[in-house]
Amino acid sequence: MPSFNARSGEIYFEQRGARANPPALLIHGVGCQLVEWPDTLVDALVGAGYRAILFDHRDVGFSYEVKADVPSTEDLFSALSDPSSIQPPYTLGDMANDVIDLLDHLGQSGAHIIGCSMGGMIAQLCAIEHPDRVFTLTSLMSTTSNPALPKPSDDVIAAMAMSLQATNGGDSAVASIHAANTHAGPYYPSSEHGIARFIESAHVRAYRPAGSARQMAAILTAPDRSELLRDLSMPVLAVHGEEDPLIDPCASKNIIDNVLDGHLEIIPKLGHDLSEPILHQLVGMIIQHTKSIEILR
């Protein structure tokens, strides 16, 4: 299996497309494995002349397990209102270091970075801490962690809590599918069109609930990145679903309001998901964005 030793542990990754093609590195959301990227999206990037790089975050999939306490659901709820109430086993910045270590392992000077949800937060930190390694930044349904932004509704939080509280793989898959459908909004049920289609097979591949909880702790304790984004000079694209109940679309506007070269796209009917009916539109936005600059490799 393709893996490498990052500074913190072994990270599993895969690549698709010709090795000579410009790299597009995809960073997924909390608890998600690389098999939960839709083939439609990845294949379209490869077909457009990119080399897609996908990986399992630390603590999920085939990557290494962090030996640390697991935050309880009560701890995570407490952190929603008071981030200082818990100490995460690792930070989003640590997870961004895994991304940079992967680029180093592959001998890449940089890449087009595409981050989804938590992955968008990590992508921002890659751009902030290592701007020379990020050719373009694409943020999908993500946020700056600005505490002034709207919070999710109670039913959305409850659905996520159920998925974190499940005690076995079968229950967790059912709860995770319910959460994904809740997050997807009213137009594109995730179990028919979105990442919920991949949850059962992902649980069979690697069931790692403790990792999801530790990653959630990293998200909830992350400081606001808004002001740090103002120094970025690379092109930034933020895409958000108009019907996202988990992260309000104004969060992507907050990203673009704080960068020098930014563009915002709001997709009607889309919730917090990678829904099949909009993927060709989404990939078109990403490709137009990434091809806006010439890369010297």
Protein backbone atom coordinates (compact mmCIF):
# COMPACT_ATOMS: atom_id res chain seq x y z
CA MET A 1 0.00 0.00 0.00
CA PRO A 2 1.33 3.50 -0.81
CA SER A 3 2.18 5.20 2.46
CA PHE A 4 4.97 7.27 3.93
CA ASN A 5 6.23 8.35 7.32
CA ALA A 6 5.19 11.92 8.04
CA ARG A 7 6.81 13.71 10.96
CA SER A 8 4.03 12.38 13.20
CA GLY A 9 3.23 8.94 11.77
CA GLU A 10 2.42 6.87 8.69
CA ILE A 11 0.02 8.45 6.18
CA TYR A 12 -1.73 6.46 3.45
CA PHE A 13 -2.22 8.09 0.04
CA GLU A 14 -3.12 7.35 -3.57
CA GLN A 15 -2.54 9.13 -6.87
CA ARG A 16 -4.51 9.13 -10.10
CA GLY A 17 -3.38 10.55 -13.41
CA ALA A 18 -0.05 10.99 -15.17
CA ARG A 19 2.84 11.77 -12.85
CA ALA A 20 3.94 14.64 -15.11
CA ASN A 21 0.61 16.44 -14.74
CA PRO A 22 0.10 19.37 -12.35
CA PRO A 23 -0.86 18.03 -8.91
CA ALA A 24 -4.27 18.67 -7.37
CA LEU A 25 -4.23 17.61 -3.73
CA LEU A 26 -7.63 16.87 -2.19
CA ILE A 27 -8.20 17.25 1.57
CA HIS A 28 -11.42 15.69 2.90
CA GLY A 29 -13.63 16.46 5.88
CA VAL A 30 -13.85 15.16 9.43
CA GLY A 31 -13.70 11.38 9.68
CA CYS A 32 -13.74 10.96 5.89
CA GLN A 33 -11.50 8.52 4.07
CA LEU A 34 -10.10 8.96 0.59
CA VAL A 35 -12.65 6.46 -0.76
CA GLU A 36 -15.35 9.00 0.10
CA TRP A 37 -14.33 11.36 -2.71
CA PRO A 38 -16.78 10.88 -5.62
CA ASP A 39 -15.15 9.29 -8.66
CA THR A 40 -17.02 11.80 -10.82
CA LEU A 41 -15.04 14.64 -9.26
CA VAL A 42 -11.66 12.89 -9.17
CA ASP A 43 -11.96 11.47 -12.69
CA ALA A 44 -12.96 14.88 -14.07
CA LEU A 45 -9.84 16.46 -12.56
CA VAL A 46 -7.69 13.72 -14.06
CA GLY A 47 -9.47 14.09 -17.40
CA ALA A 48 -8.71 17.82 -17.34
CA GLY A 49 -5.00 17.09 -17.13
CA TYR A 50 -4.34 17.03 -13.40
CA ARG A 51 -2.80 14.40 -11.16
CA ALA A 52 -5.16 13.86 -8.25
CA ILE A 53 -3.52 13.18 -4.88
CA LEU A 54 -5.81 11.74 -2.21
CA PHE A 55 -4.96 10.62 1.31
CA ASP A 56 -6.38 9.39 4.59
CA HIS A 57 -6.02 11.89 7.41
CA ARG A 58 -4.22 10.80 10.55
CA ASP A 59 -6.61 8.83 12.76
CA VAL A 60 -8.84 7.59 9.91
CA GLY A 61 -8.69 5.03 7.12
CA PHE A 62 -5.34 3.33 6.66
CA SER A 63 -3.30 6.14 8.23
CA TYR A 64 -1.83 5.93 11.71
CA GLU A 65 -3.82 6.08 14.93
CA VAL A 66 -3.06 8.83 17.40
CA LYS A 67 -2.52 7.38 20.88
CA ALA A 68 -4.50 9.88 22.92
CA ASP A 69 -7.68 10.16 24.95
CA VAL A 70 -10.95 10.33 23.06
CA PRO A 71 -13.02 13.47 23.75
CA SER A 72 -16.49 12.62 25.00
CA THR A 73 -19.61 13.92 23.29
CA GLU A 74 -20.15 16.09 26.36
CA ASP A 75 -16.65 17.55 25.93
CA LEU A 76 -17.37 18.37 22.30
CA PHE A 77 -20.70 20.01 23.10
CA SER A 78 -18.94 22.09 25.74
CA ALA A 79 -16.35 23.19 23.20
CA LEU A 80 -19.10 24.47 20.90
CA SER A 81 -19.71 27.33 23.31
CA ASP A 82 -16.29 27.45 25.00
CA PRO A 83 -13.39 26.20 22.86
CA SER A 84 -10.99 26.64 25.77
CA SER A 85 -12.87 23.98 27.76
CA ILE A 86 -10.99 21.11 26.09
CA GLN A 87 -7.44 20.42 24.99
CA PRO A 88 -7.38 18.64 21.61
CA PRO A 89 -4.89 15.79 21.11
CA TYR A 90 -3.74 17.62 17.96
CA THR A 91 -4.66 20.74 16.02
CA LEU A 92 -5.71 21.52 12.48
CA GLY A 93 -2.22 22.98 12.11
CA ASP A 94 -0.76 19.56 12.90
CA MET A 95 -2.98 18.07 10.21
CA ALA A 96 -1.79 20.74 7.77
CA ASN A 97 1.76 19.59 8.50
CA ASP A 98 0.74 16.12 7.28
CA VAL A 99 -0.23 17.68 3.95
CA ILE A 100 3.10 19.48 3.60
CA ASP A 101 4.94 16.28 4.54
CA LEU A 102 3.05 14.48 1.77
CA LEU A 103 4.15 17.09 -0.77
CA ASP A 104 7.73 16.69 0.47
CA HIS A 105 7.51 12.90 0.16
CA LEU A 106 6.27 13.22 -3.43
CA GLY A 107 8.99 15.72 -4.29
CA GLN A 108 6.42 18.38 -5.17
CA SER A 109 7.25 22.05 -4.85
CA GLY A 110 3.53 22.61 -4.32
CA ALA A 111 0.06 21.78 -5.58
CA HIS A 112 -3.39 23.10 -6.28
CA ILE A 113 -4.99 22.50 -2.88
CA ILE A 114 -8.69 21.58 -2.74
CA GLY A 115 -10.20 21.24 0.73
CA CYS A 116 -13.72 20.20 1.68
CA SER A 117 -15.30 21.24 5.01
CA MET A 118 -12.62 20.46 7.64
CA GLY A 119 -10.31 19.95 4.67
CA GLY A 120 -10.93 23.56 3.67
CA MET A 121 -9.81 24.70 7.10
CA ILE A 122 -6.64 22.62 6.78
CA ALA A 123 -6.09 23.96 3.26
CA GLN A 124 -6.27 27.52 4.60
CA LEU A 125 -3.58 26.71 7.15
CA CYS A 126 -1.37 25.20 4.44
CA ALA A 127 -1.71 28.46 2.51
CA ILE A 128 -1.11 30.61 5.59
CA GLU A 129 1.92 28.71 6.87
CA HIS A 130 3.36 27.58 3.52
CA PRO A 131 2.13 30.02 0.84
CA ASP A 132 4.86 28.99 -1.58
CA ARG A 133 3.51 25.41 -1.61
CA VAL A 134 -0.07 26.34 -2.58
CA PHE A 135 -0.50 27.23 -6.27
CA THR A 136 -4.23 27.89 -5.88
CA LEU A 137 -6.57 27.36 -2.95
CA THR A 138 -10.07 25.94 -3.37
CA SER A 139 -12.31 25.89 -0.29
CA LEU A 140 -15.48 23.81 -0.50
CA MET A 141 -18.24 24.44 2.09
CA SER A 142 -15.73 25.56 4.71
CA THR A 143 -15.13 28.38 7.18
CA THR A 144 -12.54 30.64 8.81
CA SER A 145 -13.63 29.46 12.29
CA ASN A 146 -14.79 33.01 12.99
CA PRO A 147 -16.89 32.72 16.18
CA ALA A 148 -19.22 35.47 14.97
CA LEU A 149 -20.51 33.29 12.11
CA PRO A 150 -23.88 31.51 12.50
CA LYS A 151 -23.92 28.18 14.33
CA PRO A 152 -25.64 25.01 13.05
CA SER A 153 -29.24 24.35 14.06
CA ASP A 154 -30.06 22.01 16.95
CA ASP A 155 -31.23 19.17 14.67
CA VAL A 156 -28.01 19.30 12.67
CA ILE A 157 -25.92 19.17 15.85
CA ALA A 158 -28.07 16.33 17.21
CA ALA A 159 -27.57 14.26 14.05
CA MET A 160 -23.82 14.71 14.27
CA ALA A 161 -23.84 13.81 17.97
CA MET A 162 -25.69 10.55 17.21
CA SER A 163 -22.99 9.53 14.75
CA LEU A 164 -20.26 10.23 17.32
CA GLN A 165 -22.08 8.35 20.10
CA ALA A 166 -22.63 5.12 18.14
CA THR A 167 -20.90 2.19 19.83
CA ASN A 168 -20.37 -0.19 16.91
CA GLY A 169 -19.74 -0.08 13.19
CA GLY A 170 -23.29 -0.95 12.14
CA ASP A 171 -24.92 1.63 14.39
CA SER A 172 -22.30 4.18 13.42
CA ALA A 173 -22.94 3.67 9.70
CA VAL A 174 -26.69 4.15 10.18
CA ALA A 175 -26.16 7.26 12.32
CA SER A 176 -23.55 8.66 9.92
CA ILE A 177 -25.88 8.20 6.96
CA HIS A 178 -28.65 9.98 8.88
CA ALA A 179 -26.25 12.84 9.67
CA ALA A 180 -25.14 13.07 6.04
CA ASN A 181 -28.77 13.23 4.87
CA THR A 182 -29.50 15.94 7.44
CA HIS A 183 -26.47 17.96 6.34
CA ALA A 184 -27.34 17.55 2.65
CA GLY A 185 -30.51 19.60 2.96
CA PRO A 186 -33.88 19.07 1.25
CA TYR A 187 -32.97 18.80 -2.43
CA TYR A 188 -30.29 16.13 -2.86
CA PRO A 189 -30.58 13.30 -0.28
CA SER A 190 -27.05 12.19 0.50
CA SER A 191 -27.93 8.49 0.50
CA GLU A 192 -29.00 8.87 -3.15
CA HIS A 193 -26.67 11.56 -4.47
CA GLY A 194 -23.90 12.33 -1.95
CA ILE A 195 -21.16 10.98 0.25
CA ALA A 196 -23.59 8.88 2.32
CA ARG A 197 -23.39 6.42 -0.59
CA PHE A 198 -19.82 5.62 0.48
CA ILE A 199 -20.26 5.39 4.26
CA GLU A 200 -20.99 1.67 4.61
CA SER A 201 -18.03 0.63 2.44
CA ALA A 202 -15.81 3.13 4.26
CA HIS A 203 -16.80 1.61 7.60
CA VAL A 204 -15.91 -1.84 6.27
CA ARG A 205 -12.56 -0.52 5.05
CA ALA A 206 -11.66 1.06 8.40
CA TYR A 207 -13.97 1.84 11.32
CA ARG A 208 -12.18 4.51 13.40
CA PRO A 209 -14.72 6.47 15.51
CA ALA A 210 -12.12 7.72 17.99
CA GLY A 211 -10.32 9.50 15.18
CA SER A 212 -13.46 11.35 14.16
CA ALA A 213 -13.93 12.58 17.74
CA ARG A 214 -10.32 13.76 18.00
CA GLN A 215 -10.62 15.56 14.66
CA MET A 216 -13.84 17.20 15.83
CA ALA A 217 -11.96 18.47 18.88
CA ALA A 218 -9.36 20.01 16.56
CA ILE A 219 -12.12 21.77 14.61
CA LEU A 220 -13.96 23.12 17.63
CA THR A 221 -10.82 24.52 19.25
CA ALA A 222 -9.39 26.12 16.10
CA PRO A 223 -8.80 29.88 16.35
CA ASP A 224 -10.22 32.36 13.87
CA ARG A 225 -8.09 32.51 10.70
CA SER A 226 -9.79 35.55 9.10
CA GLU A 227 -6.98 38.06 9.61
CA LEU A 228 -4.29 35.54 8.69
CA LEU A 229 -5.92 35.04 5.30
CA ARG A 230 -5.31 38.69 4.40
CA ASP A 231 -1.67 38.02 3.58
CA LEU A 232 -2.42 35.35 0.97
CA SER A 233 -1.55 36.24 -2.61
CA MET A 234 -2.53 33.05 -4.47
CA PRO A 235 -5.96 32.84 -6.16
CA VAL A 236 -8.65 31.62 -3.76
CA LEU A 237 -11.97 30.06 -4.76
CA ALA A 238 -14.68 29.45 -2.16
CA VAL A 239 -17.67 27.33 -3.15
CA HIS A 240 -20.69 26.82 -0.91
CA GLY A 241 -24.13 25.28 -1.12
CA GLU A 242 -26.99 27.72 -0.72
CA GLU A 243 -28.84 25.18 1.46
CA ASP A 244 -25.93 24.19 3.75
CA PRO A 245 -27.34 23.68 7.28
CA LEU A 246 -24.01 22.79 8.90
CA ILE A 247 -21.77 25.67 7.79
CA ASP A 248 -23.70 28.75 6.73
CA PRO A 249 -22.84 30.06 3.23
CA CYS A 250 -21.79 33.37 4.76
CA ALA A 251 -18.73 31.50 6.05
CA SER A 252 -17.39 31.24 2.51
CA LYS A 253 -18.15 34.92 1.97
CA ASN A 254 -16.08 35.59 5.08
CA ILE A 255 -13.18 33.73 3.47
CA ILE A 256 -13.37 35.76 0.27
CA ASP A 257 -13.80 39.04 2.15
CA ASN A 258 -10.43 38.42 3.78
CA VAL A 259 -8.24 37.47 0.80
CA LEU A 260 -6.62 39.61 -1.88
CA ASP A 261 -7.55 37.51 -4.91
CA GLY A 262 -10.78 35.67 -4.17
CA HIS A 263 -13.89 34.47 -5.94
CA LEU A 264 -17.11 33.18 -4.35
CA GLU A 265 -19.54 30.71 -5.93
CA ILE A 266 -22.86 29.80 -4.29
CA ILE A 267 -24.57 26.71 -5.74
CA PRO A 268 -28.39 26.68 -5.51
CA LYS A 269 -30.08 23.68 -3.83
CA LEU A 270 -26.76 22.26 -2.60
CA GLY A 271 -26.39 21.43 1.08
CA HIS A 272 -23.27 20.35 2.97
CA ASP A 273 -22.38 17.55 0.58
CA LEU A 274 -20.73 16.63 -2.69
CA SER A 275 -23.97 15.87 -4.52
CA GLU A 276 -23.72 14.07 -7.86
CA PRO A 277 -26.10 16.39 -9.80
CA ILE A 278 -23.82 19.41 -9.24
CA LEU A 279 -20.40 17.77 -9.53
CA HIS A 280 -19.77 18.65 -13.18
CA GLN A 281 -20.66 22.28 -12.40
CA LEU A 282 -18.36 22.19 -9.36
CA VAL A 283 -15.45 20.67 -11.26
CA GLY A 284 -15.89 23.29 -13.98
CA MET A 285 -15.51 26.01 -11.35
CA ILE A 286 -12.40 24.35 -9.92
CA ILE A 287 -10.74 23.85 -13.30
CA GLN A 288 -11.43 27.43 -14.41
CA HIS A 289 -9.87 28.54 -11.13
CA THR A 290 -6.78 26.33 -11.26
CA LYS A 291 -6.08 27.11 -14.90
CA SER A 292 -6.10 30.84 -14.13
CA ILE A 293 -2.39 30.69 -13.35
CA GLU A 294 0.56 29.15 -15.14
CA ILE A 295 2.57 26.70 -13.05
CA LEU A 296 6.29 26.23 -13.57
CA ARG A 297 7.00 22.66 -12.45
